[in-house]
Amino acid sequence: MMVHLADEDLSSVIDGAGPLAGLFVLLLAAAVFVIWKSMNRQFKRIDPNLPMGRDDREQAADRGFTEQAVERGEEPAAATEQGKDDIAPAG
C-alpha cells in the first residue's frame, strides 16, 4: 500500500516537471551550441605564426630530451642496480 502511494507521488512529480524539464534541456542545448560556435570562430582568428611562448619552449626541450633518451636506449646495468638499496639488511 505504501509503495503504491509513493509510486503515484513520484509519477505526478515527474509528469508535472516534464514540459519544464524539457524546456530547460532545450535551453541548455542552445546555449552549448552558441558557445561552441563562438569558440570555433575565436580559434580561427588565432595567428599560427605567433612566437613561441615559455610553455612551448619547455615542451620543445622536453621532446628533444625524450628523443635523445630513446636514441641512447636503456642501459642494462642501470636496470639491475635499480632496487639494491631497497633491500632490507638481514639480521
PDB file of N, CA and C in Angstrom:
ATOM      1  N   MET A   1       0.819  -1.190   0.000  1.00  0.00           N
ATOM      2  CA  MET A   1       0.000   0.000   0.000  1.00  0.00           C
ATOM      3  C   MET A   1       0.869   1.262   0.000  1.00  0.00           C
ATOM      4  N   MET A   2       1.898   1.294   0.864  1.00  0.00           N
ATOM      5  CA  MET A   2       2.763   2.464   0.929  1.00  0.00           C
ATOM      6  C   MET A   2       3.576   2.623  -0.361  1.00  0.00           C
ATOM      7  N   VAL A   3       4.039   1.510  -0.909  1.00  0.00           N
ATOM      8  CA  VAL A   3       4.832   1.574  -2.132  1.00  0.00           C
ATOM      9  C   VAL A   3       3.980   2.112  -3.270  1.00  0.00           C
ATOM     10  N   HIS A   4       2.737   1.713  -3.320  1.00  0.00           N
ATOM     11  CA  HIS A   4       1.842   2.167  -4.369  1.00  0.00           C
ATOM     12  C   HIS A   4       1.622   3.685  -4.284  1.00  0.00           C
ATOM     13  N   LEU A   5       1.459   4.220  -3.084  1.00  0.00           N
ATOM     14  CA  LEU A   5       1.275   5.665  -2.914  1.00  0.00           C
ATOM     15  C   LEU A   5       2.538   6.429  -3.282  1.00  0.00           C
ATOM     16  N   ALA A   6       3.698   5.883  -2.927  1.00  0.00           N
ATOM     17  CA  ALA A   6       4.958   6.548  -3.268  1.00  0.00           C
ATOM     18  C   ALA A   6       5.146   6.584  -4.775  1.00  0.00           C
ATOM     19  N   ASP A   7       4.767   5.505  -5.456  1.00  0.00           N
ATOM     20  CA  ASP A   7       4.882   5.485  -6.912  1.00  0.00           C
ATOM     21  C   ASP A   7       3.975   6.526  -7.554  1.00  0.00           C
ATOM     22  N   GLU A   8       2.766   6.692  -6.993  1.00  0.00           N
ATOM     23  CA  GLU A   8       1.845   7.691  -7.539  1.00  0.00           C
ATOM     24  C   GLU A   8       2.375   9.109  -7.334  1.00  0.00           C
ATOM     25  N   ASP A   9       2.962   9.372  -6.153  1.00  0.00           N
ATOM     26  CA  ASP A   9       3.519  10.699  -5.887  1.00  0.00           C
ATOM     27  C   ASP A   9       4.681  10.998  -6.833  1.00  0.00           C
ATOM     28  N   LEU A  10       5.560  10.017  -6.994  1.00  0.00           N
ATOM     29  CA  LEU A  10       6.703  10.197  -7.875  1.00  0.00           C
ATOM     30  C   LEU A  10       6.239  10.398  -9.314  1.00  0.00           C
ATOM     31  N   SER A  11       5.239   9.645  -9.716  1.00  0.00           N
ATOM     32  CA  SER A  11       4.716   9.763 -11.074  1.00  0.00           C
ATOM     33  C   SER A  11       4.126  11.154 -11.314  1.00  0.00           C
ATOM     34  N   SER A  12       3.414  11.683 -10.341  1.00  0.00           N
ATOM     35  CA  SER A  12       2.811  13.009 -10.525  1.00  0.00           C
ATOM     36  C   SER A  12       3.886  14.101 -10.571  1.00  0.00           C
ATOM     37  N   VAL A  13       4.961  13.939  -9.811  1.00  0.00           N
ATOM     38  CA  VAL A  13       6.047  14.919  -9.841  1.00  0.00           C
ATOM     39  C   VAL A  13       6.743  14.882 -11.193  1.00  0.00           C
ATOM     40  N   ILE A  14       7.020  13.685 -11.696  1.00  0.00           N
ATOM     41  CA  ILE A  14       7.697  13.545 -12.977  1.00  0.00           C
ATOM     42  C   ILE A  14       6.825  14.072 -14.111  1.00  0.00           C
ATOM     43  N   ASP A  15       5.534  13.758 -14.096  1.00  0.00           N
ATOM     44  CA  ASP A  15       4.636  14.228 -15.149  1.00  0.00           C
ATOM     45  C   ASP A  15       4.512  15.750 -15.130  1.00  0.00           C
ATOM     46  N   GLY A  16       4.499  16.344 -13.955  1.00  0.00           N
ATOM     47  CA  GLY A  16       4.376  17.789 -13.848  1.00  0.00           C
ATOM     48  C   GLY A  16       5.647  18.504 -14.284  1.00  0.00           C
ATOM     49  N   ALA A  17       6.796  17.871 -14.121  1.00  0.00           N
ATOM     50  CA  ALA A  17       8.060  18.506 -14.454  1.00  0.00           C
ATOM     51  C   ALA A  17       8.458  18.274 -15.909  1.00  0.00           C
ATOM     52  N   GLY A  18       7.751  17.441 -16.609  1.00  0.00           N
ATOM     53  CA  GLY A  18       8.120  17.090 -17.978  1.00  0.00           C
ATOM     54  C   GLY A  18       8.314  18.271 -18.903  1.00  0.00           C
ATOM     55  N   PRO A  19       7.304  19.114 -19.097  1.00  0.00           N
ATOM     56  CA  PRO A  19       7.464  20.241 -20.027  1.00  0.00           C
ATOM     57  C   PRO A  19       8.528  21.242 -19.563  1.00  0.00           C
ATOM     58  N   LEU A  20       8.563  21.517 -18.266  1.00  0.00           N
ATOM     59  CA  LEU A  20       9.551  22.459 -17.745  1.00  0.00           C
ATOM     60  C   LEU A  20      10.963  21.896 -17.874  1.00  0.00           C
ATOM     61  N   ALA A  21      11.138  20.624 -17.572  1.00  0.00           N
ATOM     62  CA  ALA A  21      12.454  19.994 -17.703  1.00  0.00           C
ATOM     63  C   ALA A  21      12.870  19.931 -19.168  1.00  0.00           C
ATOM     64  N   GLY A  22      11.944  19.652 -20.047  1.00  0.00           N
ATOM     65  CA  GLY A  22      12.247  19.621 -21.473  1.00  0.00           C
ATOM     66  C   GLY A  22      12.693  20.987 -21.984  1.00  0.00           C
ATOM     67  N   LEU A  23      12.007  22.028 -21.541  1.00  0.00           N
ATOM     68  CA  LEU A  23      12.383  23.383 -21.926  1.00  0.00           C
ATOM     69  C   LEU A  23      13.775  23.723 -21.404  1.00  0.00           C
ATOM     70  N   PHE A  24      14.062  23.324 -20.175  1.00  0.00           N
ATOM     71  CA  PHE A  24      15.377  23.570 -19.576  1.00  0.00           C
ATOM     72  C   PHE A  24      16.468  22.872 -20.377  1.00  0.00           C
ATOM     73  N   VAL A  25      16.238  21.633 -20.772  1.00  0.00           N
ATOM     74  CA  VAL A  25      17.228  20.883 -21.555  1.00  0.00           C
ATOM     75  C   VAL A  25      17.434  21.541 -22.919  1.00  0.00           C
ATOM     76  N   LEU A  26      16.369  21.985 -23.543  1.00  0.00           N
ATOM     77  CA  LEU A  26      16.495  22.667 -24.837  1.00  0.00           C
ATOM     78  C   LEU A  26      17.273  23.980 -24.713  1.00  0.00           C
ATOM     79  N   LEU A  27      17.031  24.722 -23.652  1.00  0.00           N
ATOM     80  CA  LEU A  27      17.778  25.965 -23.438  1.00  0.00           C
ATOM     81  C   LEU A  27      19.257  25.688 -23.192  1.00  0.00           C
ATOM     82  N   LEU A  28      19.564  24.648 -22.430  1.00  0.00           N
ATOM     83  CA  LEU A  28      20.960  24.275 -22.212  1.00  0.00           C
ATOM     84  C   LEU A  28      21.625  23.865 -23.518  1.00  0.00           C
ATOM     85  N   ALA A  29      20.928  23.089 -24.331  1.00  0.00           N
ATOM     86  CA  ALA A  29      21.492  22.653 -25.608  1.00  0.00           C
ATOM     87  C   ALA A  29      21.741  23.858 -26.520  1.00  0.00           C
ATOM     88  N   ALA A  30      20.825  24.810 -26.539  1.00  0.00           N
ATOM     89  CA  ALA A  30      21.008  26.006 -27.364  1.00  0.00           C
ATOM     90  C   ALA A  30      22.205  26.825 -26.871  1.00  0.00           C
ATOM     91  N   ALA A  31      22.365  26.942 -25.555  1.00  0.00           N
ATOM     92  CA  ALA A  31      23.497  27.695 -25.004  1.00  0.00           C
ATOM     93  C   ALA A  31      24.816  27.018 -25.350  1.00  0.00           C
ATOM     94  N   VAL A  32      24.867  25.701 -25.238  1.00  0.00           N
ATOM     95  CA  VAL A  32      26.091  24.974 -25.573  1.00  0.00           C
ATOM     96  C   VAL A  32      26.420  25.150 -27.056  1.00  0.00           C
ATOM     97  N   PHE A  33      25.414  25.105 -27.915  1.00  0.00           N
ATOM     98  CA  PHE A  33      25.638  25.285 -29.345  1.00  0.00           C
ATOM     99  C   PHE A  33      26.190  26.676 -29.652  1.00  0.00           C
ATOM    100  N   VAL A  34      25.636  27.699 -29.038  1.00  0.00           N
ATOM    101  CA  VAL A  34      26.105  29.070 -29.277  1.00  0.00           C
ATOM    102  C   VAL A  34      27.537  29.232 -28.793  1.00  0.00           C
ATOM    103  N   ILE A  35      27.853  28.704 -27.622  1.00  0.00           N
ATOM    104  CA  ILE A  35      29.221  28.787 -27.095  1.00  0.00           C
ATOM    105  C   ILE A  35      30.185  28.031 -27.999  1.00  0.00           C
ATOM    106  N   TRP A  36      29.791  26.874 -28.481  1.00  0.00           N
ATOM    107  CA  TRP A  36      30.644  26.072 -29.370  1.00  0.00           C
ATOM    108  C   TRP A  36      30.956  26.838 -30.656  1.00  0.00           C
ATOM    109  N   LYS A  37      29.936  27.433 -31.260  1.00  0.00           N
ATOM    110  CA  LYS A  37      30.151  28.196 -32.491  1.00  0.00           C
ATOM    111  C   LYS A  37      31.057  29.405 -32.230  1.00  0.00           C
ATOM    112  N   SER A  38      30.863  30.064 -31.111  1.00  0.00           N
ATOM    113  CA  SER A  38      31.684  31.222 -30.770  1.00  0.00           C
ATOM    114  C   SER A  38      33.146  30.821 -30.571  1.00  0.00           C
ATOM    115  N   MET A  39      33.389  29.727 -29.890  1.00  0.00           N
ATOM    116  CA  MET A  39      34.762  29.275 -29.664  1.00  0.00           C
ATOM    117  C   MET A  39      35.422  28.886 -30.983  1.00  0.00           C
ATOM    118  N   ASN A  40      34.696  28.244 -31.874  1.00  0.00           N
ATOM    119  CA  ASN A  40      35.257  27.904 -33.183  1.00  0.00           C
ATOM    120  C   ASN A  40      35.671  29.169 -33.935  1.00  0.00           C
ATOM    121  N   ARG A  41      34.839  30.199 -33.858  1.00  0.00           N
ATOM    122  CA  ARG A  41      35.164  31.455 -34.514  1.00  0.00           C
ATOM    123  C   ARG A  41      36.426  32.074 -33.907  1.00  0.00           C
ATOM    124  N   GLN A  42      36.549  32.019 -32.592  1.00  0.00           N
ATOM    125  CA  GLN A  42      37.725  32.588 -31.928  1.00  0.00           C
ATOM    126  C   GLN A  42      38.991  31.813 -32.274  1.00  0.00           C
ATOM    127  N   PHE A  43      38.906  30.483 -32.328  1.00  0.00           N
ATOM    128  CA  PHE A  43      40.079  29.673 -32.676  1.00  0.00           C
ATOM    129  C   PHE A  43      40.553  29.940 -34.101  1.00  0.00           C
ATOM    130  N   LYS A  44      39.638  30.246 -34.999  1.00  0.00           N
ATOM    131  CA  LYS A  44      40.024  30.546 -36.380  1.00  0.00           C
ATOM    132  C   LYS A  44      40.754  31.881 -36.476  1.00  0.00           C
ATOM    133  N   ARG A  45      40.568  32.764 -35.493  1.00  0.00           N
ATOM    134  CA  ARG A  45      41.225  34.064 -35.509  1.00  0.00           C
ATOM    135  C   ARG A  45      42.660  34.010 -34.981  1.00  0.00           C
ATOM    136  N   ILE A  46      43.067  32.924 -34.367  1.00  0.00           N
ATOM    137  CA  ILE A  46      44.408  32.830 -33.794  1.00  0.00           C
ATOM    138  C   ILE A  46      45.430  32.753 -34.917  1.00  0.00           C
ATOM    139  N   ASP A  47      46.466  33.575 -34.831  1.00  0.00           N
ATOM    140  CA  ASP A  47      47.520  33.613 -35.838  1.00  0.00           C
ATOM    141  C   ASP A  47      48.492  32.455 -35.593  1.00  0.00           C
ATOM    142  N   PRO A  48      48.645  31.540 -36.549  1.00  0.00           N
ATOM    143  CA  PRO A  48      49.554  30.403 -36.347  1.00  0.00           C
ATOM    144  C   PRO A  48      51.024  30.808 -36.344  1.00  0.00           C
ATOM    145  N   ASN A  49      51.337  32.036 -36.751  1.00  0.00           N
ATOM    146  CA  ASN A  49      52.718  32.495 -36.811  1.00  0.00           C
ATOM    147  C   ASN A  49      53.151  33.236 -35.550  1.00  0.00           C
ATOM    148  N   LEU A  50      52.401  33.070 -34.457  1.00  0.00           N
ATOM    149  CA  LEU A  50      52.786  33.720 -33.202  1.00  0.00           C
ATOM    150  C   LEU A  50      54.100  33.141 -32.699  1.00  0.00           C
ATOM    151  N   PRO A  51      54.914  33.941 -32.021  1.00  0.00           N
ATOM    152  CA  PRO A  51      56.166  33.404 -31.476  1.00  0.00           C
ATOM    153  C   PRO A  51      55.877  32.409 -30.356  1.00  0.00           C
ATOM    154  N   MET A  52      56.839  31.523 -30.151  1.00  0.00           N
ATOM    155  CA  MET A  52      56.664  30.505 -29.116  1.00  0.00           C
ATOM    156  C   MET A  52      56.675  31.164 -27.740  1.00  0.00           C
ATOM    157  N   GLY A  53      55.819  30.685 -26.882  1.00  0.00           N
ATOM    158  CA  GLY A  53      55.784  31.165 -25.512  1.00  0.00           C
ATOM    159  C   GLY A  53      56.681  30.304 -24.627  1.00  0.00           C
ATOM    160  N   ARG A  54      56.686  30.611 -23.328  1.00  0.00           N
ATOM    161  CA  ARG A  54      57.536  29.892 -22.385  1.00  0.00           C
ATOM    162  C   ARG A  54      57.192  28.408 -22.343  1.00  0.00           C
ATOM    163  N   ASP A  55      55.917  28.100 -22.274  1.00  0.00           N
ATOM    164  CA  ASP A  55      55.491  26.694 -22.219  1.00  0.00           C
ATOM    165  C   ASP A  55      55.853  25.953 -23.501  1.00  0.00           C
ATOM    166  N   ASP A  56      55.735  26.620 -24.632  1.00  0.00           N
ATOM    167  CA  ASP A  56      56.071  25.978 -25.905  1.00  0.00           C
ATOM    168  C   ASP A  56      57.548  25.625 -25.970  1.00  0.00           C
ATOM    169  N   ARG A  57      58.399  26.527 -25.475  1.00  0.00           N
ATOM    170  CA  ARG A  57      59.836  26.244 -25.472  1.00  0.00           C
ATOM    171  C   ARG A  57      60.168  25.076 -24.561  1.00  0.00           C
ATOM    172  N   GLU A  58      59.505  25.014 -23.396  1.00  0.00           N
ATOM    173  CA  GLU A  58      59.740  23.908 -22.462  1.00  0.00           C
ATOM    174  C   GLU A  58      59.288  22.581 -23.068  1.00  0.00           C
ATOM    175  N   GLN A  59      58.163  22.585 -23.744  1.00  0.00           N
ATOM    176  CA  GLN A  59      57.678  21.365 -24.376  1.00  0.00           C
ATOM    177  C   GLN A  59      58.607  20.927 -25.496  1.00  0.00           C
ATOM    178  N   ALA A  60      59.129  21.868 -26.261  1.00  0.00           N
ATOM    179  CA  ALA A  60      60.067  21.523 -27.330  1.00  0.00           C
ATOM    180  C   ALA A  60      61.344  20.935 -26.734  1.00  0.00           C
ATOM    181  N   ALA A  61      61.822  21.495 -25.623  1.00  0.00           N
ATOM    182  CA  ALA A  61      63.016  20.955 -24.961  1.00  0.00           C
ATOM    183  C   ALA A  61      62.740  19.552 -24.433  1.00  0.00           C
ATOM    184  N   ASP A  62      61.554  19.343 -23.850  1.00  0.00           N
ATOM    185  CA  ASP A  62      61.193  18.013 -23.353  1.00  0.00           C
ATOM    186  C   ASP A  62      61.154  16.988 -24.484  1.00  0.00           C
ATOM    187  N   ARG A  63      60.614  17.396 -25.628  1.00  0.00           N
ATOM    188  CA  ARG A  63      60.591  16.482 -26.773  1.00  0.00           C
ATOM    189  C   ARG A  63      62.004  16.112 -27.196  1.00  0.00           C
ATOM    190  N   GLY A  64      62.900  17.097 -27.181  1.00  0.00           N
ATOM    191  CA  GLY A  64      64.295  16.831 -27.544  1.00  0.00           C
ATOM    192  C   GLY A  64      64.955  15.866 -26.567  1.00  0.00           C
ATOM    193  N   PHE A  65      64.705  16.055 -25.263  1.00  0.00           N
ATOM    194  CA  PHE A  65      65.267  15.142 -24.258  1.00  0.00           C
ATOM    195  C   PHE A  65      64.719  13.734 -24.434  1.00  0.00           C
ATOM    196  N   THR A  66      63.441  13.635 -24.746  1.00  0.00           N
ATOM    197  CA  THR A  66      62.826  12.322 -24.944  1.00  0.00           C
ATOM    198  C   THR A  66      63.420  11.628 -26.151  1.00  0.00           C
ATOM    199  N   GLU A  67      63.618  12.361 -27.232  1.00  0.00           N
ATOM    200  CA  GLU A  67      64.207  11.768 -28.436  1.00  0.00           C
ATOM    201  C   GLU A  67      65.634  11.299 -28.163  1.00  0.00           C
ATOM    202  N   GLN A  68      66.401  12.091 -27.404  1.00  0.00           N
ATOM    203  CA  GLN A  68      67.766  11.688 -27.064  1.00  0.00           C
ATOM    204  C   GLN A  68      67.765  10.415 -26.214  1.00  0.00           C
ATOM    205  N   ALA A  69      66.850  10.332 -25.271  1.00  0.00           N
ATOM    206  CA  ALA A  69      66.778   9.152 -24.411  1.00  0.00           C
ATOM    207  C   ALA A  69      66.403   7.912 -25.209  1.00  0.00           C
ATOM    208  N   VAL A  70      65.502   8.066 -26.163  1.00  0.00           N
ATOM    209  CA  VAL A  70      65.104   6.924 -26.991  1.00  0.00           C
ATOM    210  C   VAL A  70      66.271   6.480 -27.860  1.00  0.00           C
ATOM    211  N   GLU A  71      67.030   7.449 -28.371  1.00  0.00           N
ATOM    212  CA  GLU A  71      68.182   7.095 -29.217  1.00  0.00           C
ATOM    213  C   GLU A  71      69.246   6.351 -28.415  1.00  0.00           C
ATOM    214  N   ARG A  72      69.499   6.793 -27.191  1.00  0.00           N
ATOM    215  CA  ARG A  72      70.500   6.132 -26.355  1.00  0.00           C
ATOM    216  C   ARG A  72      70.041   4.740 -25.930  1.00  0.00           C
ATOM    217  N   GLY A  73      68.771   4.606 -25.697  1.00  0.00           N
ATOM    218  CA  GLY A  73      68.248   3.337 -25.231  1.00  0.00           C
ATOM    219  C   GLY A  73      68.469   3.175 -23.742  1.00  0.00           C
ATOM    220  N   GLU A  74      67.972   2.094 -23.214  1.00  0.00           N
ATOM    221  CA  GLU A  74      68.095   1.844 -21.786  1.00  0.00           C
ATOM    222  C   GLU A  74      69.369   1.065 -21.515  1.00  0.00           C
ATOM    223  N   GLU A  75      70.125   1.475 -20.529  1.00  0.00           N
ATOM    224  CA  GLU A  75      71.360   0.776 -20.172  1.00  0.00           C
ATOM    225  C   GLU A  75      71.014  -0.433 -19.304  1.00  0.00           C
ATOM    226  N   PRO A  76      71.517  -1.631 -19.632  1.00  0.00           N
ATOM    227  CA  PRO A  76      71.157  -2.809 -18.853  1.00  0.00           C
ATOM    228  C   PRO A  76      71.701  -2.780 -17.426  1.00  0.00           C
ATOM    229  N   ALA A  77      72.836  -2.154 -17.157  1.00  0.00           N
ATOM    230  CA  ALA A  77      73.398  -2.128 -15.814  1.00  0.00           C
ATOM    231  C   ALA A  77      72.507  -1.322 -14.873  1.00  0.00           C
ATOM    232  N   ALA A  78      71.895  -0.276 -15.359  1.00  0.00           N
ATOM    233  CA  ALA A  78      71.048   0.550 -14.510  1.00  0.00           C
ATOM    234  C   ALA A  78      69.810  -0.217 -14.061  1.00  0.00           C
ATOM    235  N   ALA A  79      69.315  -1.099 -14.895  1.00  0.00           N
ATOM    236  CA  ALA A  79      68.119  -1.850 -14.537  1.00  0.00           C
ATOM    237  C   ALA A  79      68.412  -2.871 -13.435  1.00  0.00           C
ATOM    238  N   THR A  80      69.598  -3.458 -13.424  1.00  0.00           N
ATOM    239  CA  THR A  80      69.907  -4.475 -12.407  1.00  0.00           C
ATOM    240  C   THR A  80      70.253  -3.838 -11.075  1.00  0.00           C
ATOM    241  N   GLU A  81      70.802  -2.625 -11.059  1.00  0.00           N
ATOM    242  CA  GLU A  81      71.192  -1.963  -9.827  1.00  0.00           C
ATOM    243  C   GLU A  81      70.055  -1.124  -9.241  1.00  0.00           C
ATOM    244  N   GLN A  82      68.941  -1.053  -9.893  1.00  0.00           N
ATOM    245  CA  GLN A  82      67.897  -0.117  -9.534  1.00  0.00           C
ATOM    246  C   GLN A  82      67.358  -0.321  -8.119  1.00  0.00           C
ATOM    247  N   GLY A  83      67.092  -1.551  -7.702  1.00  0.00           N
ATOM    248  CA  GLY A  83      66.427  -1.758  -6.423  1.00  0.00           C
ATOM    249  C   GLY A  83      67.330  -2.267  -5.316  1.00  0.00           C
ATOM    250  N   LYS A  84      68.630  -2.202  -5.457  1.00  0.00           N
ATOM    251  CA  LYS A  84      69.534  -2.769  -4.452  1.00  0.00           C
ATOM    252  C   LYS A  84      69.422  -2.073  -3.110  1.00  0.00           C
ATOM    253  N   ASP A  85      69.223  -0.769  -3.080  1.00  0.00           N
ATOM    254  CA  ASP A  85      69.157  -0.065  -1.815  1.00  0.00           C
ATOM    255  C   ASP A  85      67.822  -0.248  -1.120  1.00  0.00           C
ATOM    256  N   ASP A  86      66.864  -0.838  -1.783  1.00  0.00           N
ATOM    257  CA  ASP A  86      65.552  -1.075  -1.177  1.00  0.00           C
ATOM    258  C   ASP A  86      65.498  -2.374  -0.373  1.00  0.00           C
ATOM    259  N   ILE A  87      66.506  -3.210  -0.518  1.00  0.00           N
ATOM    260  CA  ILE A  87      66.501  -4.493   0.184  1.00  0.00           C
ATOM    261  C   ILE A  87      66.886  -4.263   1.646  1.00  0.00           C
ATOM    262  N   ALA A  88      66.057  -4.808   2.564  1.00  0.00           N
ATOM    263  CA  ALA A  88      66.331  -4.655   3.996  1.00  0.00           C
ATOM    264  C   ALA A  88      67.497  -5.568   4.384  1.00  0.00           C
ATOM    265  N   PRO A  89      68.385  -5.096   5.269  1.00  0.00           N
ATOM    266  CA  PRO A  89      69.508  -5.929   5.708  1.00  0.00           C
ATOM    267  C   PRO A  89      69.008  -7.124   6.512  1.00  0.00           C
ATOM    268  N   ALA A  90      69.677  -8.262   6.314  1.00  0.00           N
ATOM    269  CA  ALA A  90      69.303  -9.477   7.028  1.00  0.00           C
ATOM    270  C   ALA A  90      69.809  -9.374   8.452  1.00  0.00           C
ATOM    271  N   GLY A  91      69.020  -9.829   9.381  1.00  0.00           N
ATOM    272  CA  GLY A  91      69.549  -9.801  10.732  1.00  0.00           C
ATOM    273  C   GLY A  91      68.553  -9.758  11.767  1.00  0.00           C
TER     274      GLY A  91
END
